[in-house]
C-alpha atoms as a PDB file:
ATOM      1  CA  MET A   1       0.016  -0.027   0.306  1.00  0.00           C
ATOM      2  CA  ASN A   2       1.186   3.511  -0.672  1.00  0.00           C
ATOM      3  CA  PRO A   3       2.916   5.227   2.305  1.00  0.00           C
ATOM      4  CA  ARG A   4       0.522   8.285   2.235  1.00  0.00           C
ATOM      5  CA  VAL A   5      -2.520   6.163   1.685  1.00  0.00           C
ATOM      6  CA  LYS A   6      -1.709   4.196   4.441  1.00  0.00           C
ATOM      7  CA  ASN A   7      -1.140   7.162   6.784  1.00  0.00           C
ATOM      8  CA  LEU A   8      -4.417   9.016   5.607  1.00  0.00           C
ATOM      9  CA  LEU A   9      -6.186   5.728   6.566  1.00  0.00           C
ATOM     10  CA  LYS A  10      -4.529   5.657   9.893  1.00  0.00           C
ATOM     11  CA  TYR A  11      -5.437   9.069  10.736  1.00  0.00           C
ATOM     12  CA  SER A  12      -8.864   8.747   9.305  1.00  0.00           C
ATOM     13  CA  ILE A  13      -9.182   5.845  11.995  1.00  0.00           C
ATOM     14  CA  PHE A  14      -7.730   8.030  14.820  1.00  0.00           C
ATOM     15  CA  ILE A  15     -10.247  10.643  13.866  1.00  0.00           C
ATOM     16  CA  GLY A  16     -13.366   8.472  13.395  1.00  0.00           C
ATOM     17  CA  LEU A  17     -12.750   6.749  16.765  1.00  0.00           C
ATOM     18  CA  ALA A  18     -12.334  10.179  18.529  1.00  0.00           C
ATOM     19  CA  VAL A  19     -15.872  11.332  16.794  1.00  0.00           C
ATOM     20  CA  LEU A  20     -17.362   7.850  17.780  1.00  0.00           C
ATOM     21  CA  LEU A  21     -16.044   8.629  21.455  1.00  0.00           C
ATOM     22  CA  VAL A  22     -17.042  12.046  21.880  1.00  0.00           C
ATOM     23  CA  TYR A  23     -20.824  11.086  20.699  1.00  0.00           C
ATOM     24  CA  LEU A  24     -20.536   8.082  22.744  1.00  0.00           C
ATOM     25  CA  ALA A  25     -19.788  10.470  26.121  1.00  0.00           C
ATOM     26  CA  PHE A  26     -21.919  13.435  24.874  1.00  0.00           C
ATOM     27  CA  SER A  27     -25.220  11.735  24.042  1.00  0.00           C
ATOM     28  CA  LYS A  28     -25.642  10.383  27.403  1.00  0.00           C
ATOM     29  CA  SER A  29     -25.415  13.925  29.118  1.00  0.00           C
ATOM     30  CA  ASP A  30     -27.884  16.684  29.705  1.00  0.00           C
ATOM     31  CA  PRO A  31     -26.784  19.457  27.729  1.00  0.00           C
ATOM     32  CA  ALA A  32     -28.155  22.224  29.907  1.00  0.00           C
ATOM     33  CA  LYS A  33     -26.905  20.636  33.056  1.00  0.00           C
ATOM     34  CA  LEU A  34     -23.574  20.406  31.465  1.00  0.00           C
ATOM     35  CA  TRP A  35     -22.921  23.496  30.317  1.00  0.00           C
ATOM     36  CA  ALA A  36     -24.010  24.848  34.140  1.00  0.00           C
ATOM     37  CA  ASP A  37     -21.671  22.552  35.893  1.00  0.00           C
ATOM     38  CA  ILE A  38     -19.068  24.048  33.384  1.00  0.00           C
ATOM     39  CA  LEU A  39     -19.690  27.396  34.374  1.00  0.00           C
ATOM     40  CA  GLN A  40     -19.961  27.343  37.956  1.00  0.00           C
ATOM     41  CA  ALA A  41     -16.857  25.352  38.187  1.00  0.00           C
ATOM     42  CA  ASP A  42     -14.269  26.944  40.722  1.00  0.00           C
ATOM     43  CA  TYR A  43     -11.453  27.541  37.811  1.00  0.00           C
ATOM     44  CA  TRP A  44      -8.665  28.811  40.479  1.00  0.00           C
ATOM     45  CA  TRP A  45      -8.420  24.839  41.391  1.00  0.00           C
ATOM     46  CA  VAL A  46      -8.347  24.309  37.521  1.00  0.00           C
ATOM     47  CA  LEU A  47      -5.978  26.963  36.608  1.00  0.00           C
ATOM     48  CA  LEU A  48      -3.563  25.171  39.647  1.00  0.00           C
ATOM     49  CA  GLY A  49      -3.944  21.965  37.755  1.00  0.00           C
ATOM     50  CA  ALA A  50      -2.582  23.600  34.795  1.00  0.00           C
ATOM     51  CA  PHE A  51       0.294  25.203  36.353  1.00  0.00           C
ATOM     52  CA  LEU A  52       1.110  21.662  37.568  1.00  0.00           C
ATOM     53  CA  GLY A  53       0.982  20.076  34.229  1.00  0.00           C
ATOM     54  CA  TYR A  54       3.259  22.695  33.242  1.00  0.00           C
ATOM     55  CA  THR A  55       5.984  22.359  35.786  1.00  0.00           C
ATOM     56  CA  ALA A  56       5.751  18.803  35.115  1.00  0.00           C
ATOM     57  CA  LEU A  57       6.586  19.680  31.312  1.00  0.00           C
ATOM     58  CA  ILE A  58       9.706  21.568  32.599  1.00  0.00           C
ATOM     59  CA  SER A  59      10.803  18.670  34.830  1.00  0.00           C
ATOM     60  CA  ARG A  60      10.663  16.395  31.579  1.00  0.00           C
ATOM     61  CA  GLY A  61      12.802  18.654  29.734  1.00  0.00           C
ATOM     62  CA  TYR A  62      15.320  18.921  32.573  1.00  0.00           C
ATOM     63  CA  ARG A  63      15.103  15.218  32.704  1.00  0.00           C
ATOM     64  CA  TRP A  64      16.066  15.003  29.204  1.00  0.00           C
ATOM     65  CA  LEU A  65      19.332  17.241  29.788  1.00  0.00           C
ATOM     66  CA  ILE A  66      20.313  14.312  32.280  1.00  0.00           C
ATOM     67  CA  LEU A  67      20.122  11.421  29.924  1.00  0.00           C
ATOM     68  CA  LEU A  68      22.169  13.337  27.249  1.00  0.00           C
ATOM     69  CA  GLU A  69      24.790  14.671  29.869  1.00  0.00           C
ATOM     70  CA  PRO A  70      27.043  10.926  29.593  1.00  0.00           C
ATOM     71  CA  MET A  71      27.010  11.040  25.764  1.00  0.00           C
ATOM     72  CA  GLY A  72      28.861  14.746  25.972  1.00  0.00           C
ATOM     73  CA  TYR A  73      25.905  16.814  24.695  1.00  0.00           C
ATOM     74  CA  LYS A  74      24.770  19.819  27.248  1.00  0.00           C
ATOM     75  CA  PRO A  75      22.259  21.507  25.311  1.00  0.00           C
ATOM     76  CA  LYS A  76      20.569  24.542  26.617  1.00  0.00           C
ATOM     77  CA  ALA A  77      17.574  23.896  29.285  1.00  0.00           C
ATOM     78  CA  TRP A  78      15.202  25.726  27.769  1.00  0.00           C
ATOM     79  CA  ASN A  79      15.602  24.345  24.420  1.00  0.00           C
ATOM     80  CA  SER A  80      14.885  21.010  25.809  1.00  0.00           C
ATOM     81  CA  VAL A  81      12.019  22.251  27.716  1.00  0.00           C
ATOM     82  CA  HIS A  82      10.478  23.469  24.404  1.00  0.00           C
ATOM     83  CA  SER A  83      11.035  20.626  22.454  1.00  0.00           C
ATOM     84  CA  VAL A  84       8.966  18.695  24.879  1.00  0.00           C
ATOM     85  CA  ALA A  85       6.577  21.243  24.433  1.00  0.00           C
ATOM     86  CA  VAL A  86       6.427  20.485  20.697  1.00  0.00           C
ATOM     87  CA  LEU A  87       5.976  16.808  21.061  1.00  0.00           C
ATOM     88  CA  TYR A  88       2.803  17.441  23.035  1.00  0.00           C
ATOM     89  CA  ILE A  89       1.124  19.992  20.251  1.00  0.00           C
ATOM     90  CA  VAL A  90       2.311  17.897  17.385  1.00  0.00           C
ATOM     91  CA  ASN A  91       0.877  14.895  19.296  1.00  0.00           C
ATOM     92  CA  MET A  92      -2.424  16.554  19.452  1.00  0.00           C
ATOM     93  CA  ALA A  93      -2.669  17.057  15.640  1.00  0.00           C
ATOM     94  CA  VAL A  94      -1.080  13.551  14.818  1.00  0.00           C
ATOM     95  CA  PRO A  95      -0.847  11.109  17.445  1.00  0.00           C
ATOM     96  CA  ARG A  96       2.441   9.144  18.021  1.00  0.00           C
ATOM     97  CA  ALA A  97       4.159  11.566  15.916  1.00  0.00           C
ATOM     98  CA  GLY A  98       5.477  14.141  18.845  1.00  0.00           C
ATOM     99  CA  GLU A  99       8.336  12.348  19.684  1.00  0.00           C
ATOM    100  CA  VAL A 100       9.737  12.280  15.961  1.00  0.00           C
ATOM    101  CA  ALA A 101       9.097  16.226  16.310  1.00  0.00           C
ATOM    102  CA  ARG A 102      10.545  16.799  19.559  1.00  0.00           C
ATOM    103  CA  CYS A 103      13.970  15.186  18.572  1.00  0.00           C
ATOM    104  CA  THR A 104      14.129  16.669  15.354  1.00  0.00           C
ATOM    105  CA  SER A 105      13.388  20.171  17.091  1.00  0.00           C
ATOM    106  CA  LEU A 106      16.350  19.913  19.493  1.00  0.00           C
ATOM    107  CA  ASN A 107      18.531  18.761  16.761  1.00  0.00           C
ATOM    108  CA  GLN A 108      17.961  21.707  14.462  1.00  0.00           C
ATOM    109  CA  VAL A 109      19.065  24.195  17.715  1.00  0.00           C
ATOM    110  CA  GLU A 110      21.703  22.146  19.270  1.00  0.00           C
ATOM    111  CA  ASP A 111      23.236  19.772  16.415  1.00  0.00           C
ATOM    112  CA  ILE A 112      22.572  16.512  18.409  1.00  0.00           C
ATOM    113  CA  PRO A 113      22.315  13.483  16.351  1.00  0.00           C
ATOM    114  CA  VAL A 114      18.787  12.409  15.960  1.00  0.00           C
ATOM    115  CA  ASP A 115      19.457   8.963  16.643  1.00  0.00           C
ATOM    116  CA  LYS A 116      21.268   9.347  19.910  1.00  0.00           C
ATOM    117  CA  LEU A 117      18.066  11.981  20.847  1.00  0.00           C
ATOM    118  CA  PHE A 118      15.556   8.667  19.942  1.00  0.00           C
ATOM    119  CA  GLY A 119      17.831   6.215  22.201  1.00  0.00           C
ATOM    120  CA  THR A 120      17.106   8.795  25.296  1.00  0.00           C
ATOM    121  CA  VAL A 121      13.176   8.954  24.293  1.00  0.00           C
ATOM    122  CA  ILE A 122      13.184   4.842  24.412  1.00  0.00           C
ATOM    123  CA  LEU A 123      14.787   5.116  27.778  1.00  0.00           C
ATOM    124  CA  GLU A 124      12.692   7.518  28.977  1.00  0.00           C
ATOM    125  CA  ARG A 125       9.229   5.401  27.628  1.00  0.00           C
ATOM    126  CA  VAL A 126      10.509   2.500  29.515  1.00  0.00           C
ATOM    127  CA  VAL A 127      10.974   4.321  33.012  1.00  0.00           C
ATOM    128  CA  ASP A 128       7.417   5.876  32.268  1.00  0.00           C
ATOM    129  CA  PHE A 129       5.870   2.414  31.299  1.00  0.00           C
ATOM    130  CA  VAL A 130       7.034   1.427  34.731  1.00  0.00           C
ATOM    131  CA  MET A 131       5.851   4.260  36.573  1.00  0.00           C
ATOM    132  CA  LEU A 132       2.558   3.708  34.974  1.00  0.00           C
ATOM    133  CA  PHE A 133       2.471   0.139  35.476  1.00  0.00           C
ATOM    134  CA  ALA A 134       3.121   0.756  39.233  1.00  0.00           C
ATOM    135  CA  ILE A 135       0.271   3.005  39.736  1.00  0.00           C
ATOM    136  CA  MET A 136      -2.262   0.784  37.984  1.00  0.00           C
ATOM    137  CA  LEU A 137      -1.300  -1.938  40.053  1.00  0.00           C
ATOM    138  CA  PHE A 138      -1.753  -0.215  43.180  1.00  0.00           C
ATOM    139  CA  THR A 139      -4.830   1.041  41.748  1.00  0.00           C
ATOM    140  CA  PHE A 140      -5.948  -2.376  41.142  1.00  0.00           C
ATOM    141  CA  PHE A 141      -5.546  -3.538  44.601  1.00  0.00           C
ATOM    142  CA  MET A 142      -7.644  -0.974  45.878  1.00  0.00           C
ATOM    143  CA  TYR A 143     -10.249  -0.859  43.498  1.00  0.00           C
ATOM    144  CA  VAL A 144     -10.325  -4.422  41.752  1.00  0.00           C
ATOM    145  CA  ASP A 145     -14.123  -4.280  41.600  1.00  0.00           C
ATOM    146  CA  GLU A 146     -14.617  -1.098  40.260  1.00  0.00           C
ATOM    147  CA  LEU A 147     -11.566  -1.341  37.503  1.00  0.00           C
ATOM    148  CA  LEU A 148     -13.466  -4.739  36.479  1.00  0.00           C
ATOM    149  CA  GLN A 149     -16.528  -2.700  36.218  1.00  0.00           C
ATOM    150  CA  PHE A 150     -15.063   0.040  34.271  1.00  0.00           C
ATOM    151  CA  PHE A 151     -13.323  -2.311  31.808  1.00  0.00           C
ATOM    152  CA  ALA A 152     -16.747  -4.359  31.407  1.00  0.00           C
ATOM    153  CA  LEU A 153     -18.511  -0.749  30.433  1.00  0.00           C
ATOM    154  CA  ALA A 154     -15.668   0.506  28.327  1.00  0.00           C
ATOM    155  CA  LEU A 155     -16.153  -2.281  25.952  1.00  0.00           C
ATOM    156  CA  GLY A 156     -19.513  -1.985  25.564  1.00  0.00           C
ATOM    157  CA  ASN A 157     -21.239  -4.230  28.170  1.00  0.00           C
ATOM    158  CA  SER A 158     -23.930  -1.791  29.507  1.00  0.00           C
ATOM    159  CA  GLU A 159     -25.336  -4.608  31.822  1.00  0.00           C
ATOM    160  CA  ALA A 160     -22.092  -4.516  33.644  1.00  0.00           C
ATOM    161  CA  GLY A 161     -22.619  -4.102  37.537  1.00  0.00           C
ATOM    162  CA  SER A 162     -20.615  -4.652  40.857  1.00  0.00           C
ATOM    163  CA  PRO A 163     -18.837  -7.851  40.738  1.00  0.00           C
ATOM    164  CA  SER A 164     -19.048  -9.988  43.445  1.00  0.00           C
ATOM    165  CA  SER A 165     -17.273  -9.836  46.904  1.00  0.00           C
ATOM    166  CA  ASN A 166     -14.803 -12.709  46.047  1.00  0.00           C
ATOM    167  CA  THR A 167     -13.619 -11.442  42.556  1.00  0.00           C
ATOM    168  CA  LYS A 168     -10.103 -10.962  43.754  1.00  0.00           C
ATOM    169  CA  PHE A 169     -10.032 -14.511  45.055  1.00  0.00           C
ATOM    170  CA  VAL A 170     -11.455 -15.655  41.623  1.00  0.00           C
ATOM    171  CA  LEU A 171      -8.602 -13.362  39.670  1.00  0.00           C
ATOM    172  CA  LEU A 172      -6.143 -15.172  42.043  1.00  0.00           C
ATOM    173  CA  GLY A 173      -6.999 -18.554  40.978  1.00  0.00           C
ATOM    174  CA  VAL A 174      -6.897 -17.407  37.468  1.00  0.00           C
ATOM    175  CA  ALA A 175      -3.650 -16.069  37.752  1.00  0.00           C
ATOM    176  CA  ALA A 176      -2.297 -18.967  39.658  1.00  0.00           C
ATOM    177  CA  VAL A 177      -3.402 -21.575  36.847  1.00  0.00           C
ATOM    178  CA  PHE A 178      -1.352 -19.430  34.257  1.00  0.00           C
ATOM    179  CA  GLY A 179       1.632 -19.363  36.585  1.00  0.00           C
ATOM    180  CA  VAL A 180       1.381 -23.279  36.646  1.00  0.00           C
ATOM    181  CA  LEU A 181       0.604 -23.749  32.862  1.00  0.00           C
ATOM    182  CA  PHE A 182       3.612 -21.007  31.924  1.00  0.00           C
ATOM    183  CA  LEU A 183       6.035 -23.362  34.305  1.00  0.00           C
ATOM    184  CA  VAL A 184       4.770 -26.752  32.624  1.00  0.00           C
ATOM    185  CA  PHE A 185       5.151 -25.395  29.335  1.00  0.00           C
ATOM    186  CA  ARG A 186       7.735 -22.875  29.632  1.00  0.00           C
ATOM    187  CA  LYS A 187      10.207 -24.164  27.019  1.00  0.00           C
ATOM    188  CA  ARG A 188       7.765 -24.423  24.293  1.00  0.00           C
ATOM    189  CA  ILE A 189       6.115 -20.964  25.091  1.00  0.00           C
ATOM    190  CA  ILE A 190       9.499 -19.217  25.228  1.00  0.00           C
ATOM    191  CA  ASN A 191      10.616 -20.810  21.820  1.00  0.00           C
ATOM    192  CA  HIS A 192       7.373 -19.627  20.111  1.00  0.00           C
ATOM    193  CA  PRO A 193       8.099 -16.936  17.451  1.00  0.00           C
ATOM    194  CA  LYS A 194       5.497 -14.758  18.809  1.00  0.00           C
ATOM    195  CA  PHE A 195       7.197 -14.800  21.914  1.00  0.00           C
ATOM    196  CA  GLU A 196      10.207 -12.806  20.598  1.00  0.00           C
ATOM    197  CA  LEU A 197       8.199  -9.599  20.882  1.00  0.00           C
ATOM    198  CA  VAL A 198       7.728  -9.852  24.389  1.00  0.00           C
ATOM    199  CA  ARG A 199      11.738 -11.173  25.125  1.00  0.00           C
ATOM    200  CA  ASN A 200      12.556  -7.920  23.077  1.00  0.00           C
ATOM    201  CA  PHE A 201      10.378  -5.765  25.389  1.00  0.00           C
ATOM    202  CA  TRP A 202      11.541  -7.217  28.628  1.00  0.00           C
ATOM    203  CA  ASN A 203      15.287  -7.135  27.259  1.00  0.00           C
ATOM    204  CA  GLY A 204      14.480  -3.230  26.578  1.00  0.00           C
ATOM    205  CA  MET A 205      13.335  -2.676  30.003  1.00  0.00           C
ATOM    206  CA  LYS A 206      16.331  -4.198  31.279  1.00  0.00           C
ATOM    207  CA  GLU A 207      18.670  -2.361  29.392  1.00  0.00           C
ATOM    208  CA  GLY A 208      16.649   0.865  30.115  1.00  0.00           C
ATOM    209  CA  LEU A 209      17.150   0.208  34.112  1.00  0.00           C
ATOM    210  CA  LYS A 210      20.512  -0.822  33.999  1.00  0.00           C
ATOM    211  CA  THR A 211      21.464   2.666  32.367  1.00  0.00           C
ATOM    212  CA  ILE A 212      19.637   4.084  35.279  1.00  0.00           C
ATOM    213  CA  LYS A 213      21.986   2.565  37.795  1.00  0.00           C
ATOM    214  CA  THR A 214      25.289   3.456  36.014  1.00  0.00           C
ATOM    215  CA  MET A 215      24.096   7.079  35.101  1.00  0.00           C
ATOM    216  CA  ARG A 216      25.887  10.082  36.571  1.00  0.00           C
ATOM    217  CA  ARG A 217      23.013  12.239  38.162  1.00  0.00           C
ATOM    218  CA  LYS A 218      20.808   8.944  39.133  1.00  0.00           C
ATOM    219  CA  ARG A 219      19.389  10.903  42.018  1.00  0.00           C
ATOM    220  CA  ALA A 220      18.158  13.635  40.062  1.00  0.00           C
ATOM    221  CA  PHE A 221      16.486  11.431  37.499  1.00  0.00           C
ATOM    222  CA  ILE A 222      14.668   9.463  39.907  1.00  0.00           C
ATOM    223  CA  LEU A 223      13.602  12.789  41.432  1.00  0.00           C
ATOM    224  CA  HIS A 224      12.281  14.301  38.277  1.00  0.00           C
ATOM    225  CA  THR A 225      10.796  11.104  37.277  1.00  0.00           C
ATOM    226  CA  LEU A 226       8.719  10.864  40.783  1.00  0.00           C
ATOM    227  CA  TYR A 227       7.880  14.526  40.366  1.00  0.00           C
ATOM    228  CA  ILE A 228       6.302  14.077  37.108  1.00  0.00           C
ATOM    229  CA  TRP A 229       4.045  11.262  37.843  1.00  0.00           C
ATOM    230  CA  SER A 230       3.419  12.953  41.206  1.00  0.00           C
ATOM    231  CA  THR A 231       2.081  15.675  39.413  1.00  0.00           C
ATOM    232  CA  TYR A 232       0.182  14.081  36.981  1.00  0.00           C
ATOM    233  CA  PHE A 233      -1.646  12.440  39.963  1.00  0.00           C
ATOM    234  CA  LEU A 234      -2.339  16.144  41.400  1.00  0.00           C
ATOM    235  CA  MET A 235      -3.583  17.272  38.108  1.00  0.00           C
ATOM    236  CA  VAL A 236      -6.767  14.837  38.688  1.00  0.00           C
ATOM    237  CA  TYR A 237      -6.819  15.506  42.144  1.00  0.00           C
ATOM    238  CA  VAL A 238      -6.993  19.182  42.443  1.00  0.00           C
ATOM    239  CA  ALA A 239      -9.522  19.296  39.855  1.00  0.00           C
ATOM    240  CA  PHE A 240     -11.747  17.458  42.158  1.00  0.00           C
ATOM    241  CA  TYR A 241     -12.172  20.510  44.606  1.00  0.00           C
ATOM    242  CA  ALA A 242     -13.403  22.829  41.124  1.00  0.00           C
ATOM    243  CA  MET A 243     -16.677  21.028  41.435  1.00  0.00           C
ATOM    244  CA  PRO A 244     -19.255  20.753  44.490  1.00  0.00           C
ATOM    245  CA  THR A 245     -20.064  17.202  42.839  1.00  0.00           C
ATOM    246  CA  THR A 246     -16.730  16.017  42.799  1.00  0.00           C
ATOM    247  CA  SER A 247     -15.287  17.939  45.670  1.00  0.00           C
ATOM    248  CA  HIS A 248     -16.303  15.140  48.417  1.00  0.00           C
ATOM    249  CA  LEU A 249     -13.948  12.319  46.465  1.00  0.00           C
ATOM    250  CA  ALA A 250     -11.130  11.248  48.526  1.00  0.00           C
ATOM    251  CA  TRP A 251      -7.326  11.273  47.412  1.00  0.00           C
ATOM    252  CA  HIS A 252      -7.513   7.467  46.534  1.00  0.00           C
ATOM    253  CA  ASP A 253     -10.334   7.882  44.168  1.00  0.00           C
ATOM    254  CA  ALA A 254      -8.071  10.044  41.990  1.00  0.00           C
ATOM    255  CA  PHE A 255      -5.814   7.241  41.328  1.00  0.00           C
ATOM    256  CA  PHE A 256      -8.894   5.486  39.787  1.00  0.00           C
ATOM    257  CA  VAL A 257      -9.731   8.673  37.641  1.00  0.00           C
ATOM    258  CA  PHE A 258      -5.757   8.701  36.921  1.00  0.00           C
ATOM    259  CA  VAL A 259      -5.907   5.362  35.503  1.00  0.00           C
ATOM    260  CA  ALA A 260      -8.922   6.382  33.569  1.00  0.00           C
ATOM    261  CA  ALA A 261      -7.562   9.261  32.022  1.00  0.00           C
ATOM    262  CA  SER A 262      -4.265   7.712  31.310  1.00  0.00           C
ATOM    263  CA  LEU A 263      -5.825   5.252  29.193  1.00  0.00           C
ATOM    264  CA  GLY A 264      -7.772   7.863  27.658  1.00  0.00           C
ATOM    265  CA  ILE A 265      -4.425   9.822  26.199  1.00  0.00           C
ATOM    266  CA  VAL A 266      -3.036   6.192  25.495  1.00  0.00           C
ATOM    267  CA  VAL A 267      -5.948   5.716  23.275  1.00  0.00           C
ATOM    268  CA  PRO A 268      -4.574   7.085  19.582  1.00  0.00           C
ATOM    269  CA  THR A 269      -7.009   9.702  19.173  1.00  0.00           C
ATOM    270  CA  PRO A 270      -5.958  13.407  18.233  1.00  0.00           C
ATOM    271  CA  GLY A 271      -5.132  14.873  22.145  1.00  0.00           C
ATOM    272  CA  GLY A 272      -7.009  12.419  23.518  1.00  0.00           C
ATOM    273  CA  ILE A 273     -10.348  13.855  22.450  1.00  0.00           C
ATOM    274  CA  GLY A 274     -13.223  11.494  22.925  1.00  0.00           C
ATOM    275  CA  ALA A 275     -11.276   8.931  24.963  1.00  0.00           C
ATOM    276  CA  TYR A 276     -10.554  10.725  27.712  1.00  0.00           C
ATOM    277  CA  HIS A 277     -14.044  12.230  28.090  1.00  0.00           C
ATOM    278  CA  TYR A 278     -15.582   8.906  27.955  1.00  0.00           C
ATOM    279  CA  LEU A 279     -13.329   6.935  29.883  1.00  0.00           C
ATOM    280  CA  VAL A 280     -13.150   9.566  32.736  1.00  0.00           C
ATOM    281  CA  MET A 281     -17.047  10.023  32.661  1.00  0.00           C
ATOM    282  CA  LEU A 282     -17.094   6.048  33.186  1.00  0.00           C
ATOM    283  CA  ALA A 283     -14.759   6.240  36.148  1.00  0.00           C
ATOM    284  CA  LEU A 284     -16.864   8.778  37.914  1.00  0.00           C
ATOM    285  CA  THR A 285     -20.215   7.208  37.134  1.00  0.00           C
ATOM    286  CA  ILE A 286     -18.595   4.135  38.554  1.00  0.00           C
ATOM    287  CA  LEU A 287     -17.701   6.252  41.679  1.00  0.00           C
ATOM    288  CA  GLY A 288     -21.452   7.789  42.000  1.00  0.00           C
ATOM    289  CA  LEU A 289     -21.841  10.813  39.857  1.00  0.00           C
ATOM    290  CA  SER A 290     -24.214  11.163  36.754  1.00  0.00           C
ATOM    291  CA  GLU A 291     -22.915  10.585  34.038  1.00  0.00           C
ATOM    292  CA  THR A 292     -23.347  14.554  33.306  1.00  0.00           C
ATOM    293  CA  ASP A 293     -21.236  15.387  36.328  1.00  0.00           C
ATOM    294  CA  GLY A 294     -18.534  12.836  35.277  1.00  0.00           C
ATOM    295  CA  LEU A 295     -18.219  14.559  31.747  1.00  0.00           C
ATOM    296  CA  ALA A 296     -18.345  18.252  33.264  1.00  0.00           C
ATOM    297  CA  TYR A 297     -15.206  17.201  35.058  1.00  0.00           C
ATOM    298  CA  ALA A 298     -13.670  15.424  31.990  1.00  0.00           C
ATOM    299  CA  THR A 299     -14.453  18.267  30.001  1.00  0.00           C
ATOM    300  CA  ILE A 300     -12.865  20.680  32.326  1.00  0.00           C
ATOM    301  CA  VAL A 301      -9.800  18.947  32.886  1.00  0.00           C
ATOM    302  CA  HIS A 302      -9.096  18.099  29.470  1.00  0.00           C
ATOM    303  CA  SER A 303      -9.760  21.615  28.058  1.00  0.00           C
ATOM    304  CA  SER A 304      -7.729  23.407  30.440  1.00  0.00           C
ATOM    305  CA  GLN A 305      -4.816  20.716  29.998  1.00  0.00           C
ATOM    306  CA  THR A 306      -5.137  21.004  26.207  1.00  0.00           C
ATOM    307  CA  LEU A 307      -5.242  24.843  26.325  1.00  0.00           C
ATOM    308  CA  MET A 308      -2.063  24.973  28.419  1.00  0.00           C
ATOM    309  CA  LEU A 309      -0.238  22.480  26.034  1.00  0.00           C
ATOM    310  CA  LEU A 310      -1.646  24.381  23.018  1.00  0.00           C
ATOM    311  CA  ILE A 311       0.280  27.778  24.462  1.00  0.00           C
ATOM    312  CA  ALA A 312       3.521  26.266  25.768  1.00  0.00           C
ATOM    313  CA  GLY A 313       3.607  24.106  22.201  1.00  0.00           C
ATOM    314  CA  ALA A 314       3.024  27.456  20.249  1.00  0.00           C
ATOM    315  CA  PHE A 315       5.731  29.283  22.586  1.00  0.00           C
ATOM    316  CA  GLY A 316       7.854  26.516  21.914  1.00  0.00           C
ATOM    317  CA  PHE A 317       8.010  26.353  18.271  1.00  0.00           C
ATOM    318  CA  LEU A 318       8.626  30.713  18.391  1.00  0.00           C
ATOM    319  CA  PHE A 319      11.211  29.915  20.778  1.00  0.00           C
ATOM    320  CA  LEU A 320      13.009  27.404  18.691  1.00  0.00           C
ATOM    321  CA  TYR A 321      12.286  29.248  15.468  1.00  0.00           C
ATOM    322  CA  LEU A 322      14.096  32.280  17.014  1.00  0.00           C
ATOM    323  CA  GLU A 323      17.105  29.873  18.178  1.00  0.00           C
ATOM    324  CA  ARG A 324      17.626  28.466  14.784  1.00  0.00           C
ATOM    325  CA  ARG A 325      17.588  31.850  13.152  1.00  0.00           C
ATOM    326  CA  LYS A 326      20.312  33.221  15.936  1.00  0.00           C
ATOM    327  CA  LYS A 327      22.292  30.025  15.204  1.00  0.00           C
ATOM    328  CA  ASP A 328      22.063  30.653  11.551  1.00  0.00           C
ATOM    329  CA  THR A 329      23.000  34.181  11.727  1.00  0.00           C
ATOM    330  CA  ASN A 330      26.147  33.017  13.729  1.00  0.00           C
ATOM    331  CA  ALA A 331      26.875  30.369  11.489  1.00  0.00           C
ATOM    332  CA  ALA A 332      26.725  32.534   8.236  1.00  0.00           C
ATOM    333  CA  PRO A 333      29.920  34.996   9.188  1.00  0.00           C
ATOM    334  CA  ILE A 334      32.017  32.083   9.875  1.00  0.00           C
ATOM    335  CA  SER A 335      31.018  30.583   6.421  1.00  0.00           C
ATOM    336  CA  ALA A 336      31.649  34.129   4.796  1.00  0.00           C
ATOM    337  CA  LYS A 337      35.334  34.045   6.113  1.00  0.00           C
ATOM    338  CA  ARG A 338      36.172  30.509   4.941  1.00  0.00           C
END
């Protein structure tokens, strides 16, 4: 298939999925009440969440510097930060294209080879996957019944009710059966061609974690990582106080909503539109809110974060454009002398 046709088809599917999920989310709400909830929100809490989101973006930029140092590269801190901002704004238009734009943006102002930059991005992805998996695992043990109900609803089972109290024991039993089967047929499973993908992923994770052990500023890298993911959690939690209907929710409820929000971002729709709204709404209805109140919360948080990322990304593009011009201007006299 022609690459252009293939890309067009892929992006059409992404947009179509976004439209479908937007429809599923908003078709279940009361438009008048939804608009009233949005107007009555306390936007100081929303602004706090957006501010925290921007500090996480800055922290990501500084964490990238730590990964580049051992290679002998020391780009300007704000070039790194603005390149990360470009990542997010490009992802809004073309899902999964942001990492390419991030690396090429920094390459153009710092002359760091793109392949070196991609290597650090892969390591970041490994670390962030581990963090997300740890949070999801923690949330699973606190909200196993709610998560099962959430996934059932997300997959279209509208009849899903609250699972029985012995669900944990059933899941442990299923896990034990799979564990025994794996031990019995271990060699056959490991040698199967399709297991190669799992092996490569696991080896990549191990190599990434080994790199962290040997890096020069390991403590700073870990602290930035913890700050980034703590901030992501706080962005969800502080927004609870923006609406009377969510202000009663506890801090641990934010973990459940955070998992739904993270899955909404993972789904390949432009900027998480539709997927974020639908999945966060489902999570909040399971916690006892109406569909309209859940959608109002999702709309407020997603809109504020999207606006923040648009502003940060636009400023990042402008800043890096000026940096490129300055670099080209400084390089011109040197070329003329030669």
